[in-house]
Amino acid sequence: MKTNNIQPFFPSRSINQVFDHLFNRPLTDVVGSDFSHSSPAVNIKENENAFVLELAVPGLDKNNFDVKVEDNFLKISYEHSSNEEEIKENVYTRREFKYTSFSRSFQLPETVEADQIKGNYQDGILSVILPKNKQIIENKVKTIEIA
């Protein structure tokens, strides 16, 4: 005869362990990442002519980005808020306020031509191209004479 291994439910952890597990970790682990406002992931690439920053920002409106150079820092920010309202049969009203924002700053190397920086937003990726100043790069090479 086959026996069934079903056992009655007995919690293997004390209530204190459950609360510690729940509350001693980041809030986003508990409620999901949509709850908090976080900065987007960034890739930084370098080639012979430029640095390229790629920010993963899918679903955002390119008109709400603010990209500027200030005090030798590249500052990229985004801000959007909306207020949606739905009235149904004059019985109830539902309002939803939504606010999305982030801000990232990057110190520019002295080899970047700040006045030539360009940006592009395509397929959820904001690309910022930071061209290098060839004269500064060439002037940095110094041959040292050995006496």
C-alpha atoms as a PDB file:
ATOM      1  CA  MET A   1       0.000   0.000   0.000  1.00  0.00           C
ATOM      2  CA  LYS A   2       1.305   3.443  -0.984  1.00  0.00           C
ATOM      3  CA  THR A   3       1.468   6.011   1.788  1.00  0.00           C
ATOM      4  CA  ASN A   4       0.878   9.687   1.247  1.00  0.00           C
ATOM      5  CA  ASN A   5       3.681  11.928   2.518  1.00  0.00           C
ATOM      6  CA  ILE A   6       1.419  14.901   3.149  1.00  0.00           C
ATOM      7  CA  GLN A   7       2.335  16.543   6.403  1.00  0.00           C
ATOM      8  CA  PRO A   8       0.361  19.159   8.252  1.00  0.00           C
ATOM      9  CA  PHE A   9       1.614  22.731   7.772  1.00  0.00           C
ATOM     10  CA  PHE A  10       4.033  23.741  10.469  1.00  0.00           C
ATOM     11  CA  PRO A  11       6.024  26.863   9.764  1.00  0.00           C
ATOM     12  CA  SER A  12       9.709  26.067   9.827  1.00  0.00           C
ATOM     13  CA  ARG A  13      10.556  29.599  10.871  1.00  0.00           C
ATOM     14  CA  SER A  14       9.502  31.629  13.839  1.00  0.00           C
ATOM     15  CA  ILE A  15       7.430  34.755  13.314  1.00  0.00           C
ATOM     16  CA  ASN A  16      10.543  36.811  14.136  1.00  0.00           C
ATOM     17  CA  GLN A  17      12.450  35.146  11.316  1.00  0.00           C
ATOM     18  CA  VAL A  18       9.591  35.865   8.905  1.00  0.00           C
ATOM     19  CA  PHE A  19       9.538  39.561   9.855  1.00  0.00           C
ATOM     20  CA  ASP A  20      13.328  39.763   9.651  1.00  0.00           C
ATOM     21  CA  HIS A  21      13.225  38.246   6.185  1.00  0.00           C
ATOM     22  CA  LEU A  22      10.492  40.642   5.090  1.00  0.00           C
ATOM     23  CA  PHE A  23      11.812  43.876   6.570  1.00  0.00           C
ATOM     24  CA  ASN A  24      15.589  43.496   6.510  1.00  0.00           C
ATOM     25  CA  ARG A  25      15.966  43.751   2.766  1.00  0.00           C
ATOM     26  CA  PRO A  26      15.431  46.446   0.146  1.00  0.00           C
ATOM     27  CA  LEU A  27      11.835  47.562  -0.288  1.00  0.00           C
ATOM     28  CA  THR A  28      12.007  46.860  -4.025  1.00  0.00           C
ATOM     29  CA  ASP A  29      12.545  43.158  -3.238  1.00  0.00           C
ATOM     30  CA  VAL A  30       9.217  43.155  -1.424  1.00  0.00           C
ATOM     31  CA  VAL A  31       6.973  45.398  -3.545  1.00  0.00           C
ATOM     32  CA  GLY A  32       8.703  45.313  -6.924  1.00  0.00           C
ATOM     33  CA  SER A  33      10.893  47.724  -8.832  1.00  0.00           C
ATOM     34  CA  ASP A  34       8.015  49.928 -10.041  1.00  0.00           C
ATOM     35  CA  PHE A  35       7.627  51.263  -6.518  1.00  0.00           C
ATOM     36  CA  SER A  36      10.879  53.201  -6.350  1.00  0.00           C
ATOM     37  CA  HIS A  37      12.436  55.769  -8.629  1.00  0.00           C
ATOM     38  CA  SER A  38      15.827  54.562  -9.682  1.00  0.00           C
ATOM     39  CA  SER A  39      18.463  55.648 -12.124  1.00  0.00           C
ATOM     40  CA  PRO A  40      18.656  53.875 -15.453  1.00  0.00           C
ATOM     41  CA  ALA A  41      21.474  51.488 -16.280  1.00  0.00           C
ATOM     42  CA  VAL A  42      24.315  53.081 -18.256  1.00  0.00           C
ATOM     43  CA  ASN A  43      26.887  51.645 -20.647  1.00  0.00           C
ATOM     44  CA  ILE A  44      29.966  53.752 -21.408  1.00  0.00           C
ATOM     45  CA  LYS A  45      31.975  52.938 -24.504  1.00  0.00           C
ATOM     46  CA  GLU A  46      35.124  54.550 -25.794  1.00  0.00           C
ATOM     47  CA  ASN A  47      36.562  54.505 -29.263  1.00  0.00           C
ATOM     48  CA  GLU A  48      39.289  56.494 -30.993  1.00  0.00           C
ATOM     49  CA  ASN A  49      37.044  59.488 -31.698  1.00  0.00           C
ATOM     50  CA  ALA A  50      34.507  59.636 -28.863  1.00  0.00           C
ATOM     51  CA  PHE A  51      32.957  58.348 -25.680  1.00  0.00           C
ATOM     52  CA  VAL A  52      29.399  57.039 -25.997  1.00  0.00           C
ATOM     53  CA  LEU A  53      26.966  56.839 -23.084  1.00  0.00           C
ATOM     54  CA  GLU A  54      23.949  54.574 -23.528  1.00  0.00           C
ATOM     55  CA  LEU A  55      21.112  54.813 -21.004  1.00  0.00           C
ATOM     56  CA  ALA A  56      18.409  52.128 -20.920  1.00  0.00           C
ATOM     57  CA  VAL A  57      15.209  54.211 -20.685  1.00  0.00           C
ATOM     58  CA  PRO A  58      12.452  52.354 -22.565  1.00  0.00           C
ATOM     59  CA  GLY A  59       8.993  53.853 -22.859  1.00  0.00           C
ATOM     60  CA  LEU A  60      10.010  57.405 -21.953  1.00  0.00           C
ATOM     61  CA  ASP A  61       9.182  60.494 -24.020  1.00  0.00           C
ATOM     62  CA  LYS A  62      12.311  62.004 -25.570  1.00  0.00           C
ATOM     63  CA  ASN A  63      10.878  65.506 -25.120  1.00  0.00           C
ATOM     64  CA  ASN A  64      11.108  65.150 -21.318  1.00  0.00           C
ATOM     65  CA  PHE A  65      14.876  64.559 -21.255  1.00  0.00           C
ATOM     66  CA  ASP A  66      17.165  67.382 -20.192  1.00  0.00           C
ATOM     67  CA  VAL A  67      20.792  66.902 -21.239  1.00  0.00           C
ATOM     68  CA  LYS A  68      23.255  69.698 -20.466  1.00  0.00           C
ATOM     69  CA  VAL A  69      26.880  70.414 -19.646  1.00  0.00           C
ATOM     70  CA  GLU A  70      27.440  72.420 -16.490  1.00  0.00           C
ATOM     71  CA  ASP A  71      30.702  72.967 -14.582  1.00  0.00           C
ATOM     72  CA  ASN A  72      32.467  70.209 -16.553  1.00  0.00           C
ATOM     73  CA  PHE A  73      29.691  67.696 -15.757  1.00  0.00           C
ATOM     74  CA  LEU A  74      27.306  66.088 -18.208  1.00  0.00           C
ATOM     75  CA  LYS A  75      23.903  66.126 -16.517  1.00  0.00           C
ATOM     76  CA  ILE A  76      21.117  63.920 -17.827  1.00  0.00           C
ATOM     77  CA  SER A  77      17.701  64.117 -16.238  1.00  0.00           C
ATOM     78  CA  TYR A  78      14.128  63.144 -16.979  1.00  0.00           C
ATOM     79  CA  GLU A  79      10.900  64.352 -15.458  1.00  0.00           C
ATOM     80  CA  HIS A  80       7.313  63.544 -16.336  1.00  0.00           C
ATOM     81  CA  SER A  81       4.107  63.787 -14.399  1.00  0.00           C
ATOM     82  CA  SER A  82       0.547  63.069 -15.411  1.00  0.00           C
ATOM     83  CA  ASN A  83      -2.874  63.253 -13.893  1.00  0.00           C
ATOM     84  CA  GLU A  84      -5.457  60.858 -15.316  1.00  0.00           C
ATOM     85  CA  GLU A  85      -9.076  61.159 -14.346  1.00  0.00           C
ATOM     86  CA  GLU A  86     -11.977  58.873 -15.162  1.00  0.00           C
ATOM     87  CA  ILE A  87     -15.618  59.632 -14.408  1.00  0.00           C
ATOM     88  CA  LYS A  88     -18.124  56.836 -14.930  1.00  0.00           C
ATOM     89  CA  GLU A  89     -21.850  57.431 -14.806  1.00  0.00           C
ATOM     90  CA  ASN A  90     -21.331  60.230 -12.264  1.00  0.00           C
ATOM     91  CA  VAL A  91     -21.018  57.519  -9.631  1.00  0.00           C
ATOM     92  CA  TYR A  92     -17.325  57.656  -8.908  1.00  0.00           C
ATOM     93  CA  THR A  93     -14.173  59.418  -9.870  1.00  0.00           C
ATOM     94  CA  ARG A  94     -10.780  57.827 -10.095  1.00  0.00           C
ATOM     95  CA  ARG A  95      -7.641  59.910 -10.193  1.00  0.00           C
ATOM     96  CA  GLU A  96      -4.166  58.608 -10.733  1.00  0.00           C
ATOM     97  CA  PHE A  97      -1.125  60.777 -10.306  1.00  0.00           C
ATOM     98  CA  LYS A  98       2.043  59.486 -11.904  1.00  0.00           C
ATOM     99  CA  TYR A  99       5.494  60.940 -11.522  1.00  0.00           C
ATOM    100  CA  THR A 100       8.675  59.619 -13.098  1.00  0.00           C
ATOM    101  CA  SER A 101      12.081  61.205 -12.747  1.00  0.00           C
ATOM    102  CA  PHE A 102      15.780  60.473 -12.585  1.00  0.00           C
ATOM    103  CA  SER A 103      19.017  62.397 -12.733  1.00  0.00           C
ATOM    104  CA  ARG A 104      22.543  61.229 -13.558  1.00  0.00           C
ATOM    105  CA  SER A 105      25.760  63.242 -13.685  1.00  0.00           C
ATOM    106  CA  PHE A 106      29.074  62.326 -15.274  1.00  0.00           C
ATOM    107  CA  GLN A 107      32.320  64.260 -14.933  1.00  0.00           C
ATOM    108  CA  LEU A 108      33.673  65.014 -18.372  1.00  0.00           C
ATOM    109  CA  PRO A 109      37.290  64.250 -19.193  1.00  0.00           C
ATOM    110  CA  GLU A 110      39.215  67.287 -20.404  1.00  0.00           C
ATOM    111  CA  THR A 111      39.577  65.618 -23.805  1.00  0.00           C
ATOM    112  CA  VAL A 112      35.840  65.957 -24.573  1.00  0.00           C
ATOM    113  CA  GLU A 113      34.631  68.762 -26.840  1.00  0.00           C
ATOM    114  CA  ALA A 114      31.609  69.845 -24.762  1.00  0.00           C
ATOM    115  CA  ASP A 115      30.174  72.062 -27.497  1.00  0.00           C
ATOM    116  CA  GLN A 116      30.041  69.106 -29.928  1.00  0.00           C
ATOM    117  CA  ILE A 117      28.063  66.668 -27.716  1.00  0.00           C
ATOM    118  CA  LYS A 118      25.036  65.112 -29.447  1.00  0.00           C
ATOM    119  CA  GLY A 119      22.181  62.920 -28.274  1.00  0.00           C
ATOM    120  CA  ASN A 120      19.839  60.408 -29.869  1.00  0.00           C
ATOM    121  CA  TYR A 121      16.877  58.443 -28.513  1.00  0.00           C
ATOM    122  CA  GLN A 122      15.916  55.269 -30.356  1.00  0.00           C
ATOM    123  CA  ASP A 123      14.373  51.943 -29.324  1.00  0.00           C
ATOM    124  CA  GLY A 124      14.433  52.833 -25.625  1.00  0.00           C
ATOM    125  CA  ILE A 125      18.124  53.764 -25.582  1.00  0.00           C
ATOM    126  CA  LEU A 126      19.308  57.332 -25.022  1.00  0.00           C
ATOM    127  CA  SER A 127      22.749  57.633 -26.638  1.00  0.00           C
ATOM    128  CA  VAL A 128      24.957  60.609 -25.864  1.00  0.00           C
ATOM    129  CA  ILE A 129      28.050  61.005 -28.051  1.00  0.00           C
ATOM    130  CA  LEU A 130      30.974  62.873 -26.484  1.00  0.00           C
ATOM    131  CA  PRO A 131      33.521  63.647 -29.237  1.00  0.00           C
ATOM    132  CA  LYS A 132      37.170  63.805 -28.271  1.00  0.00           C
ATOM    133  CA  ASN A 133      39.273  66.891 -28.988  1.00  0.00           C
ATOM    134  CA  LYS A 134      42.116  65.568 -31.136  1.00  0.00           C
ATOM    135  CA  GLN A 135      44.407  68.535 -30.400  1.00  0.00           C
ATOM    136  CA  ILE A 136      44.255  67.994 -26.648  1.00  0.00           C
ATOM    137  CA  ILE A 137      44.945  64.272 -27.083  1.00  0.00           C
ATOM    138  CA  GLU A 138      47.918  64.954 -29.393  1.00  0.00           C
ATOM    139  CA  ASN A 139      49.309  67.639 -27.057  1.00  0.00           C
ATOM    140  CA  LYS A 140      49.226  65.199 -24.140  1.00  0.00           C
ATOM    141  CA  VAL A 141      51.873  63.032 -25.772  1.00  0.00           C
ATOM    142  CA  LYS A 142      55.248  64.217 -24.614  1.00  0.00           C
ATOM    143  CA  THR A 143      58.567  62.673 -25.483  1.00  0.00           C
ATOM    144  CA  ILE A 144      60.967  62.695 -22.576  1.00  0.00           C
ATOM    145  CA  GLU A 145      64.602  63.106 -23.331  1.00  0.00           C
ATOM    146  CA  ILE A 146      66.909  60.975 -21.252  1.00  0.00           C
ATOM    147  CA  ALA A 147      70.118  62.668 -20.168  1.00  0.00           C
END
